[in-house]
Amino acid sequence: MEAAMRVCGFLATALLLFLTGCAAETCTEPVIVPSYYTTNDAVISSESVFIVEISLTCNNGAQNVALYADVGGKQFPVTRGQDVGRYQVSWSMEHKNARSGTYEVKFFDEESYSLLRKAQRNNEDLSSIKPLFTVNVDHRGAWNGPWVATEVLAAVLGLLVYYTAYSAKSNIQA
């Protein structure tokens, strides 16, 4: 019986240590280096894609920070990269809905994200919840191709050359 109690105590301690190790840390005074990519060619893709990568350094040395992103009222999970302090979030939308301009991406830690979700559920004012940091993504819009298709332009040019040659032939024979 005593051996079983020791095993249960050991398992409880191991579980507690495991859960403590899995818990995300809180970041104080974050310093970020952002980079981003947006789709710029609608001809070869079906949707506009936005990818934001950040390198995050915390003043308190936190490395296991769980982050969530909010873009225009939609929340997305932020994935952790293989390198320490590297994070990435991505989303996509139809080209017609991906207006050109600046998108504000708000990043939240677990605590502020839970406050955000609670405020959304209770229809409260969301502006009172401050993000950990924000990244502005400049999207220039996606190019939809030339106004006139190349094959149409070639056909018109061919007809123009044919008409000119036929007219010149008719003038010479007349």
N, C-alpha and C. Protein backbone atom coordinates (compact mmCIF):
# COMPACT_ATOMS: atom_id res chain seq x y z
N MET A 1 0.82 -1.19 0.00
CA MET A 1 0.00 0.00 0.00
C MET A 1 0.87 1.26 0.00
N GLU A 2 1.93 1.22 0.79
CA GLU A 2 2.83 2.37 0.88
C GLU A 2 3.55 2.59 -0.46
N ALA A 3 3.92 1.52 -1.13
CA ALA A 3 4.57 1.62 -2.44
C ALA A 3 3.63 2.23 -3.47
N ALA A 4 2.36 1.86 -3.40
CA ALA A 4 1.37 2.42 -4.32
C ALA A 4 1.20 3.91 -4.08
N MET A 5 1.25 4.33 -2.81
CA MET A 5 1.13 5.76 -2.48
C MET A 5 2.33 6.53 -3.02
N ARG A 6 3.52 5.94 -2.93
CA ARG A 6 4.72 6.61 -3.45
C ARG A 6 4.63 6.75 -4.98
N VAL A 7 4.16 5.70 -5.64
CA VAL A 7 4.02 5.74 -7.10
C VAL A 7 3.01 6.83 -7.49
N CYS A 8 1.89 6.90 -6.77
CA CYS A 8 0.87 7.93 -7.06
C CYS A 8 1.44 9.32 -6.81
N GLY A 9 2.21 9.47 -5.75
CA GLY A 9 2.84 10.75 -5.45
C GLY A 9 3.84 11.14 -6.53
N PHE A 10 4.62 10.16 -6.99
CA PHE A 10 5.58 10.40 -8.04
C PHE A 10 4.88 10.80 -9.34
N LEU A 11 3.80 10.09 -9.68
CA LEU A 11 3.05 10.40 -10.89
C LEU A 11 2.40 11.78 -10.81
N ALA A 12 1.89 12.13 -9.65
CA ALA A 12 1.28 13.45 -9.47
C ALA A 12 2.33 14.53 -9.63
N THR A 13 3.52 14.34 -9.05
CA THR A 13 4.60 15.31 -9.17
C THR A 13 5.05 15.43 -10.62
N ALA A 14 5.20 14.30 -11.31
CA ALA A 14 5.61 14.31 -12.71
C ALA A 14 4.58 15.03 -13.57
N LEU A 15 3.30 14.79 -13.31
CA LEU A 15 2.24 15.46 -14.05
C LEU A 15 2.26 16.96 -13.80
N LEU A 16 2.47 17.36 -12.57
CA LEU A 16 2.54 18.78 -12.23
C LEU A 16 3.72 19.44 -12.93
N LEU A 17 4.87 18.79 -12.93
CA LEU A 17 6.04 19.34 -13.61
C LEU A 17 5.80 19.42 -15.12
N PHE A 18 5.16 18.41 -15.68
CA PHE A 18 4.85 18.42 -17.10
C PHE A 18 3.93 19.57 -17.46
N LEU A 19 2.86 19.75 -16.69
CA LEU A 19 1.90 20.82 -16.96
C LEU A 19 2.54 22.18 -16.77
N THR A 20 3.42 22.32 -15.80
CA THR A 20 4.11 23.58 -15.58
C THR A 20 5.02 23.88 -16.76
N GLY A 21 5.67 22.86 -17.29
CA GLY A 21 6.56 23.03 -18.43
C GLY A 21 5.80 23.37 -19.70
N CYS A 22 4.55 22.95 -19.81
CA CYS A 22 3.75 23.20 -21.01
C CYS A 22 3.07 24.58 -20.97
N ALA A 23 3.02 25.16 -19.81
CA ALA A 23 2.34 26.45 -19.68
C ALA A 23 3.12 27.53 -20.42
N ALA A 24 2.39 28.41 -21.07
CA ALA A 24 3.03 29.49 -21.80
C ALA A 24 3.49 30.57 -20.83
N GLU A 25 4.55 31.24 -21.23
CA GLU A 25 5.09 32.31 -20.39
C GLU A 25 4.48 33.64 -20.80
N THR A 26 4.61 34.62 -19.93
CA THR A 26 4.15 35.97 -20.21
C THR A 26 5.34 36.81 -20.64
N CYS A 27 5.16 37.58 -21.69
CA CYS A 27 6.23 38.41 -22.24
C CYS A 27 6.07 39.84 -21.74
N THR A 28 7.14 40.37 -21.17
CA THR A 28 7.13 41.78 -20.75
C THR A 28 8.03 42.58 -21.67
N GLU A 29 7.57 43.75 -22.03
CA GLU A 29 8.29 44.68 -22.91
C GLU A 29 8.81 43.98 -24.17
N PRO A 30 7.89 43.52 -25.03
CA PRO A 30 8.31 42.79 -26.23
C PRO A 30 9.04 43.69 -27.24
N VAL A 31 10.05 43.13 -27.85
CA VAL A 31 10.76 43.79 -28.95
C VAL A 31 10.59 42.86 -30.15
N ILE A 32 10.03 43.40 -31.24
CA ILE A 32 9.74 42.56 -32.40
C ILE A 32 10.47 43.06 -33.64
N VAL A 33 10.78 42.12 -34.51
CA VAL A 33 11.30 42.42 -35.84
C VAL A 33 10.35 41.71 -36.82
N PRO A 34 9.40 42.48 -37.42
CA PRO A 34 8.41 41.85 -38.29
C PRO A 34 8.85 41.80 -39.75
N SER A 35 8.30 40.83 -40.47
CA SER A 35 8.41 40.78 -41.93
C SER A 35 7.09 40.17 -42.41
N TYR A 36 6.72 40.50 -43.65
CA TYR A 36 5.45 39.97 -44.15
C TYR A 36 5.49 39.78 -45.65
N TYR A 37 4.55 38.99 -46.13
CA TYR A 37 4.38 38.73 -47.55
C TYR A 37 2.89 38.76 -47.85
N THR A 38 2.52 39.38 -48.97
CA THR A 38 1.14 39.33 -49.45
C THR A 38 1.16 38.97 -50.93
N THR A 39 0.10 38.31 -51.39
CA THR A 39 -0.02 37.94 -52.79
C THR A 39 -0.11 39.20 -53.64
N ASN A 40 0.65 39.21 -54.75
CA ASN A 40 0.57 40.38 -55.63
C ASN A 40 0.15 40.02 -57.05
N ASP A 41 -0.12 38.74 -57.32
CA ASP A 41 -0.51 38.31 -58.66
C ASP A 41 -1.75 37.42 -58.58
N ALA A 42 -2.89 37.97 -58.98
CA ALA A 42 -4.15 37.21 -58.92
C ALA A 42 -4.32 36.28 -60.10
N VAL A 43 -3.46 36.39 -61.10
CA VAL A 43 -3.59 35.54 -62.29
C VAL A 43 -3.22 34.10 -61.95
N ILE A 44 -2.20 33.91 -61.12
CA ILE A 44 -1.70 32.57 -60.84
C ILE A 44 -2.17 32.00 -59.50
N SER A 45 -2.99 32.73 -58.77
CA SER A 45 -3.47 32.23 -57.48
C SER A 45 -4.97 32.46 -57.35
N SER A 46 -5.61 31.62 -56.56
CA SER A 46 -7.06 31.71 -56.41
C SER A 46 -7.47 32.63 -55.26
N GLU A 47 -6.57 32.88 -54.30
CA GLU A 47 -6.87 33.75 -53.17
C GLU A 47 -5.65 34.59 -52.83
N SER A 48 -5.89 35.71 -52.16
CA SER A 48 -4.79 36.52 -51.65
C SER A 48 -4.35 35.94 -50.32
N VAL A 49 -3.05 35.75 -50.17
CA VAL A 49 -2.47 35.16 -48.97
C VAL A 49 -1.66 36.21 -48.23
N PHE A 50 -1.79 36.22 -46.91
CA PHE A 50 -1.04 37.13 -46.06
C PHE A 50 -0.23 36.27 -45.08
N ILE A 51 1.06 36.52 -45.00
CA ILE A 51 1.93 35.80 -44.07
C ILE A 51 2.72 36.84 -43.29
N VAL A 52 2.63 36.77 -41.97
CA VAL A 52 3.38 37.68 -41.10
C VAL A 52 4.31 36.83 -40.24
N GLU A 53 5.59 37.13 -40.30
CA GLU A 53 6.59 36.47 -39.46
C GLU A 53 7.19 37.50 -38.53
N ILE A 54 7.39 37.11 -37.30
CA ILE A 54 8.01 38.02 -36.34
C ILE A 54 9.10 37.29 -35.58
N SER A 55 10.07 38.07 -35.20
CA SER A 55 11.10 37.61 -34.28
C SER A 55 10.83 38.36 -32.98
N LEU A 56 10.56 37.62 -31.91
CA LEU A 56 10.13 38.22 -30.64
C LEU A 56 11.20 38.01 -29.57
N THR A 57 11.55 39.11 -28.92
CA THR A 57 12.46 39.06 -27.77
C THR A 57 11.75 39.73 -26.61
N CYS A 58 11.70 39.05 -25.47
CA CYS A 58 11.04 39.59 -24.29
C CYS A 58 12.08 40.08 -23.28
N ASN A 59 11.75 41.15 -22.58
CA ASN A 59 12.65 41.71 -21.58
C ASN A 59 12.90 40.73 -20.45
N ASN A 60 11.90 39.92 -20.12
CA ASN A 60 12.04 38.97 -19.02
C ASN A 60 12.62 37.63 -19.49
N GLY A 61 13.00 37.51 -20.77
CA GLY A 61 13.62 36.30 -21.28
C GLY A 61 12.65 35.18 -21.62
N ALA A 62 11.36 35.46 -21.63
CA ALA A 62 10.35 34.43 -21.93
C ALA A 62 10.55 33.93 -23.36
N GLN A 63 10.51 32.62 -23.54
CA GLN A 63 10.70 32.03 -24.86
C GLN A 63 9.53 31.17 -25.29
N ASN A 64 8.67 30.80 -24.37
CA ASN A 64 7.55 29.92 -24.66
C ASN A 64 6.25 30.72 -24.57
N VAL A 65 6.12 31.75 -25.41
CA VAL A 65 4.98 32.65 -25.36
C VAL A 65 3.91 32.17 -26.35
N ALA A 66 2.72 31.93 -25.85
CA ALA A 66 1.59 31.57 -26.72
C ALA A 66 0.97 32.86 -27.24
N LEU A 67 0.88 32.98 -28.56
CA LEU A 67 0.35 34.20 -29.17
C LEU A 67 -0.86 33.89 -30.04
N TYR A 68 -1.72 34.89 -30.15
CA TYR A 68 -2.90 34.83 -31.01
C TYR A 68 -2.96 36.15 -31.77
N ALA A 69 -3.45 36.11 -33.00
CA ALA A 69 -3.52 37.31 -33.83
C ALA A 69 -4.98 37.65 -34.12
N ASP A 70 -5.24 38.95 -34.24
CA ASP A 70 -6.57 39.44 -34.59
C ASP A 70 -6.40 40.36 -35.79
N VAL A 71 -7.11 40.04 -36.87
CA VAL A 71 -7.08 40.86 -38.09
C VAL A 71 -8.51 41.19 -38.45
N GLY A 72 -8.88 42.42 -38.29
CA GLY A 72 -10.23 42.85 -38.66
C GLY A 72 -11.33 42.10 -37.93
N GLY A 73 -11.10 41.73 -36.69
CA GLY A 73 -12.11 41.04 -35.91
C GLY A 73 -12.09 39.53 -36.02
N LYS A 74 -11.20 38.99 -36.84
CA LYS A 74 -11.05 37.54 -36.95
C LYS A 74 -9.77 37.12 -36.24
N GLN A 75 -9.86 36.06 -35.44
CA GLN A 75 -8.71 35.60 -34.67
C GLN A 75 -8.07 34.39 -35.35
N PHE A 76 -6.74 34.33 -35.24
CA PHE A 76 -5.97 33.24 -35.81
C PHE A 76 -4.91 32.81 -34.81
N PRO A 77 -4.62 31.51 -34.73
CA PRO A 77 -3.53 31.07 -33.87
C PRO A 77 -2.18 31.43 -34.51
N VAL A 78 -1.22 31.74 -33.68
CA VAL A 78 0.12 32.07 -34.15
C VAL A 78 1.00 30.85 -33.88
N THR A 79 1.67 30.37 -34.92
CA THR A 79 2.52 29.19 -34.75
C THR A 79 3.93 29.61 -34.38
N ARG A 80 4.55 28.77 -33.58
CA ARG A 80 5.92 28.99 -33.16
C ARG A 80 6.85 28.31 -34.15
N GLY A 81 7.91 29.00 -34.54
CA GLY A 81 8.88 28.42 -35.46
C GLY A 81 9.86 27.52 -34.74
N GLN A 82 10.73 26.89 -35.51
CA GLN A 82 11.73 26.02 -34.92
C GLN A 82 12.79 26.83 -34.18
N ASP A 83 13.09 28.02 -34.67
CA ASP A 83 14.05 28.87 -33.99
C ASP A 83 13.39 29.54 -32.80
N VAL A 84 14.14 29.75 -31.75
CA VAL A 84 13.61 30.39 -30.55
C VAL A 84 13.21 31.83 -30.87
N GLY A 85 12.01 32.19 -30.47
CA GLY A 85 11.54 33.56 -30.66
C GLY A 85 10.96 33.86 -32.03
N ARG A 86 10.80 32.87 -32.89
CA ARG A 86 10.24 33.07 -34.22
C ARG A 86 8.79 32.60 -34.24
N TYR A 87 7.91 33.44 -34.78
CA TYR A 87 6.49 33.14 -34.82
C TYR A 87 5.95 33.50 -36.20
N GLN A 88 4.82 32.87 -36.58
CA GLN A 88 4.22 33.13 -37.88
C GLN A 88 2.71 32.98 -37.80
N VAL A 89 2.02 33.88 -38.49
CA VAL A 89 0.57 33.77 -38.63
C VAL A 89 0.25 34.01 -40.10
N SER A 90 -0.74 33.30 -40.61
CA SER A 90 -1.13 33.47 -42.01
C SER A 90 -2.64 33.32 -42.15
N TRP A 91 -3.16 33.95 -43.16
CA TRP A 91 -4.58 33.83 -43.48
C TRP A 91 -4.74 34.15 -44.96
N SER A 92 -5.91 33.81 -45.51
CA SER A 92 -6.17 34.09 -46.91
C SER A 92 -7.61 34.56 -47.07
N MET A 93 -7.85 35.23 -48.18
CA MET A 93 -9.21 35.68 -48.52
C MET A 93 -9.31 35.84 -50.03
N GLU A 94 -10.53 35.87 -50.52
CA GLU A 94 -10.74 36.04 -51.96
C GLU A 94 -10.14 37.37 -52.41
N HIS A 95 -9.68 37.39 -53.66
CA HIS A 95 -9.04 38.60 -54.18
C HIS A 95 -9.96 39.82 -54.09
N LYS A 96 -11.24 39.62 -54.39
CA LYS A 96 -12.17 40.75 -54.39
C LYS A 96 -12.37 41.32 -52.98
N ASN A 97 -12.18 40.49 -51.95
CA ASN A 97 -12.32 40.96 -50.57
C ASN A 97 -11.02 41.48 -49.98
N ALA A 98 -9.91 41.19 -50.63
CA ALA A 98 -8.60 41.62 -50.13
C ALA A 98 -8.29 43.00 -50.70
N ARG A 99 -8.88 43.99 -50.11
CA ARG A 99 -8.68 45.36 -50.58
C ARG A 99 -7.23 45.79 -50.36
N SER A 100 -6.77 46.70 -51.19
CA SER A 100 -5.42 47.20 -50.99
C SER A 100 -5.43 48.20 -49.84
N GLY A 101 -4.32 48.27 -49.14
CA GLY A 101 -4.22 49.17 -47.99
C GLY A 101 -3.44 48.52 -46.87
N THR A 102 -3.56 49.09 -45.70
CA THR A 102 -2.82 48.61 -44.53
C THR A 102 -3.73 47.78 -43.63
N TYR A 103 -3.28 46.58 -43.30
CA TYR A 103 -3.99 45.70 -42.38
C TYR A 103 -3.27 45.75 -41.04
N GLU A 104 -4.02 46.01 -39.98
CA GLU A 104 -3.43 46.03 -38.64
C GLU A 104 -3.60 44.64 -38.02
N VAL A 105 -2.48 44.00 -37.71
CA VAL A 105 -2.49 42.68 -37.10
C VAL A 105 -2.15 42.86 -35.63
N LYS A 106 -3.12 42.58 -34.77
CA LYS A 106 -2.92 42.73 -33.32
C LYS A 106 -2.54 41.37 -32.74
N PHE A 107 -1.48 41.35 -31.97
CA PHE A 107 -1.02 40.12 -31.34
C PHE A 107 -1.35 40.15 -29.85
N PHE A 108 -1.92 39.05 -29.36
CA PHE A 108 -2.33 38.93 -27.96
C PHE A 108 -1.63 37.75 -27.33
N ASP A 109 -1.29 37.88 -26.04
CA ASP A 109 -0.82 36.71 -25.29
C ASP A 109 -2.05 35.99 -24.75
N GLU A 110 -1.85 34.90 -24.03
CA GLU A 110 -2.98 34.09 -23.56
C GLU A 110 -3.93 34.89 -22.68
N GLU A 111 -3.38 35.69 -21.80
CA GLU A 111 -4.23 36.44 -20.86
C GLU A 111 -5.09 37.47 -21.58
N SER A 112 -4.48 38.28 -22.43
CA SER A 112 -5.27 39.30 -23.14
C SER A 112 -6.19 38.68 -24.18
N TYR A 113 -5.80 37.54 -24.76
CA TYR A 113 -6.67 36.85 -25.71
C TYR A 113 -7.92 36.32 -25.03
N SER A 114 -7.76 35.77 -23.82
CA SER A 114 -8.95 35.29 -23.10
C SER A 114 -9.87 36.45 -22.74
N LEU A 115 -9.29 37.61 -22.42
CA LEU A 115 -10.12 38.80 -22.16
C LEU A 115 -10.85 39.24 -23.44
N LEU A 116 -10.16 39.17 -24.56
CA LEU A 116 -10.77 39.52 -25.85
C LEU A 116 -11.94 38.60 -26.17
N ARG A 117 -11.75 37.30 -26.04
CA ARG A 117 -12.81 36.34 -26.32
C ARG A 117 -14.01 36.52 -25.37
N LYS A 118 -13.71 36.81 -24.10
CA LYS A 118 -14.78 37.04 -23.14
C LYS A 118 -15.57 38.29 -23.51
N ALA A 119 -14.87 39.34 -23.89
CA ALA A 119 -15.55 40.58 -24.29
C ALA A 119 -16.40 40.36 -25.55
N GLN A 120 -15.92 39.54 -26.47
CA GLN A 120 -16.69 39.24 -27.68
C GLN A 120 -17.96 38.47 -27.33
N ARG A 121 -17.82 37.49 -26.44
CA ARG A 121 -19.01 36.71 -26.04
C ARG A 121 -20.05 37.58 -25.36
N ASN A 122 -19.60 38.56 -24.58
CA ASN A 122 -20.52 39.41 -23.82
C ASN A 122 -20.88 40.70 -24.55
N ASN A 123 -20.48 40.81 -25.83
CA ASN A 123 -20.74 42.02 -26.63
C ASN A 123 -20.27 43.28 -25.93
N GLU A 124 -19.09 43.23 -25.35
CA GLU A 124 -18.49 44.38 -24.68
C GLU A 124 -17.58 45.14 -25.63
N ASP A 125 -17.11 46.30 -25.18
CA ASP A 125 -16.22 47.14 -25.98
C ASP A 125 -14.85 46.47 -26.09
N LEU A 126 -14.41 46.20 -27.32
CA LEU A 126 -13.14 45.51 -27.54
C LEU A 126 -11.95 46.46 -27.52
N SER A 127 -12.20 47.75 -27.68
CA SER A 127 -11.09 48.70 -27.74
C SER A 127 -10.37 48.86 -26.40
N SER A 128 -11.01 48.43 -25.32
CA SER A 128 -10.37 48.54 -24.00
C SER A 128 -9.31 47.46 -23.78
N ILE A 129 -9.31 46.43 -24.62
CA ILE A 129 -8.34 45.34 -24.48
C ILE A 129 -7.14 45.65 -25.36
N LYS A 130 -6.01 45.87 -24.73
CA LYS A 130 -4.80 46.26 -25.44
C LYS A 130 -4.01 45.02 -25.88
N PRO A 131 -3.60 45.01 -27.14
CA PRO A 131 -2.77 43.89 -27.61
C PRO A 131 -1.36 43.99 -27.04
N LEU A 132 -0.64 42.88 -27.11
CA LEU A 132 0.75 42.86 -26.67
C LEU A 132 1.59 43.74 -27.60
N PHE A 133 1.31 43.65 -28.90
CA PHE A 133 1.94 44.52 -29.91
C PHE A 133 1.15 44.40 -31.20
N THR A 134 1.39 45.29 -32.14
CA THR A 134 0.71 45.25 -33.44
C THR A 134 1.74 45.31 -34.56
N VAL A 135 1.36 44.77 -35.70
CA VAL A 135 2.18 44.83 -36.91
C VAL A 135 1.28 45.33 -38.03
N ASN A 136 1.73 46.33 -38.76
CA ASN A 136 0.98 46.84 -39.90
C ASN A 136 1.49 46.17 -41.18
N VAL A 137 0.55 45.58 -41.93
CA VAL A 137 0.88 44.88 -43.17
C VAL A 137 0.33 45.71 -44.33
N ASP A 138 1.23 46.13 -45.22
CA ASP A 138 0.83 46.92 -46.38
C ASP A 138 0.57 45.98 -47.55
N HIS A 139 -0.67 45.95 -48.01
CA HIS A 139 -1.07 45.10 -49.15
C HIS A 139 -1.40 46.01 -50.32
N ARG A 140 -0.67 45.87 -51.40
CA ARG A 140 -0.86 46.73 -52.56
C ARG A 140 -1.97 46.26 -53.48
N GLY A 141 -2.55 45.13 -53.17
CA GLY A 141 -3.57 44.56 -54.03
C GLY A 141 -2.94 43.53 -54.95
N ALA A 142 -3.78 42.77 -55.61
CA ALA A 142 -3.29 41.72 -56.50
C ALA A 142 -3.55 42.12 -57.95
N TRP A 143 -2.55 41.92 -58.79
CA TRP A 143 -2.64 42.24 -60.21
C TRP A 143 -3.47 41.19 -60.91
N ASN A 144 -4.47 41.62 -61.66
CA ASN A 144 -5.39 40.69 -62.33
C ASN A 144 -5.03 40.41 -63.78
N GLY A 145 -3.87 40.82 -64.21
CA GLY A 145 -3.46 40.56 -65.59
C GLY A 145 -3.70 41.76 -66.47
N PRO A 146 -3.28 41.67 -67.71
CA PRO A 146 -3.46 42.81 -68.64
C PRO A 146 -4.95 43.01 -68.97
N TRP A 147 -5.27 44.23 -69.39
CA TRP A 147 -6.66 44.54 -69.74
C TRP A 147 -7.10 43.76 -70.96
N VAL A 148 -6.17 43.56 -71.90
CA VAL A 148 -6.47 42.83 -73.12
C VAL A 148 -5.60 41.58 -73.13
N ALA A 149 -6.20 40.46 -73.38
CA ALA A 149 -5.44 39.21 -73.44
C ALA A 149 -4.47 39.24 -74.62
N THR A 150 -3.34 38.60 -74.46
CA THR A 150 -2.29 38.61 -75.47
C THR A 150 -2.78 38.02 -76.79
N GLU A 151 -3.56 36.95 -76.73
CA GLU A 151 -4.03 36.33 -77.97
C GLU A 151 -4.99 37.24 -78.73
N VAL A 152 -5.77 38.04 -78.03
CA VAL A 152 -6.67 38.99 -78.69
C VAL A 152 -5.84 40.08 -79.38
N LEU A 153 -4.83 40.56 -78.68
CA LEU A 153 -3.95 41.58 -79.26
C LEU A 153 -3.24 41.04 -80.50
N ALA A 154 -2.78 39.80 -80.47
CA ALA A 154 -2.11 39.18 -81.62
C ALA A 154 -3.09 39.03 -82.80
N ALA A 155 -4.32 38.65 -82.52
CA ALA A 155 -5.32 38.49 -83.58
C ALA A 155 -5.63 39.84 -84.24
N VAL A 156 -5.80 40.88 -83.44
CA VAL A 156 -6.09 42.21 -83.98
C VAL A 156 -4.91 42.70 -84.81
N LEU A 157 -3.70 42.49 -84.32
CA LEU A 157 -2.50 42.91 -85.06
C LEU A 157 -2.39 42.13 -86.38
N GLY A 158 -2.70 40.84 -86.37
CA GLY A 158 -2.69 40.03 -87.59
C GLY A 158 -3.71 40.53 -88.60
N LEU A 159 -4.91 40.85 -88.13
CA LEU A 159 -5.94 41.38 -89.04
C LEU A 159 -5.52 42.73 -89.62
N LEU A 160 -4.87 43.54 -88.81
CA LEU A 160 -4.41 44.86 -89.26
C LEU A 160 -3.34 44.71 -90.34
N VAL A 161 -2.40 43.79 -90.15
CA VAL A 161 -1.36 43.53 -91.15
C VAL A 161 -2.01 42.99 -92.44
N TYR A 162 -2.95 42.07 -92.32
CA TYR A 162 -3.64 41.51 -93.49
C TYR A 162 -4.37 42.61 -94.25
N TYR A 163 -5.09 43.48 -93.54
CA TYR A 163 -5.84 44.55 -94.19
C TYR A 163 -4.89 45.51 -94.92
N THR A 164 -3.78 45.85 -94.26
CA THR A 164 -2.81 46.77 -94.88
C THR A 164 -2.22 46.13 -96.14
N ALA A 165 -1.84 44.88 -96.06
CA ALA A 165 -1.25 44.20 -97.21
C ALA A 165 -2.27 44.06 -98.34
N TYR A 166 -3.50 43.71 -98.03
CA TYR A 166 -4.55 43.56 -99.04
C TYR A 166 -4.85 44.90 -99.71
N SER A 167 -4.92 45.98 -98.89
CA SER A 167 -5.16 47.32 -99.45
C SER A 167 -4.03 47.75 -100.36
N ALA A 168 -2.78 47.47 -99.97
CA ALA A 168 -1.62 47.85 -100.80
C ALA A 168 -1.66 47.06 -102.11
N LYS A 169 -2.01 45.79 -102.05
CA LYS A 169 -2.08 44.95 -103.24
C LYS A 169 -3.17 45.49 -104.18
N SER A 170 -4.32 45.87 -103.61
CA SER A 170 -5.41 46.40 -104.44
C SER A 170 -5.01 47.72 -105.11
N ASN A 171 -4.26 48.57 -104.41
CA ASN A 171 -3.82 49.84 -104.98
C ASN A 171 -2.80 49.63 -106.07
N ILE A 172 -1.93 48.64 -105.91
CA ILE A 172 -0.90 48.36 -106.93
C ILE A 172 -1.55 47.80 -108.20
N GLN A 173 -2.54 46.93 -108.05
CA GLN A 173 -3.19 46.31 -109.20
C GLN A 173 -4.13 47.27 -109.90
N ALA A 174 -4.56 48.31 -109.21
CA ALA A 174 -5.54 49.21 -109.83
C ALA A 174 -4.95 50.22 -110.74
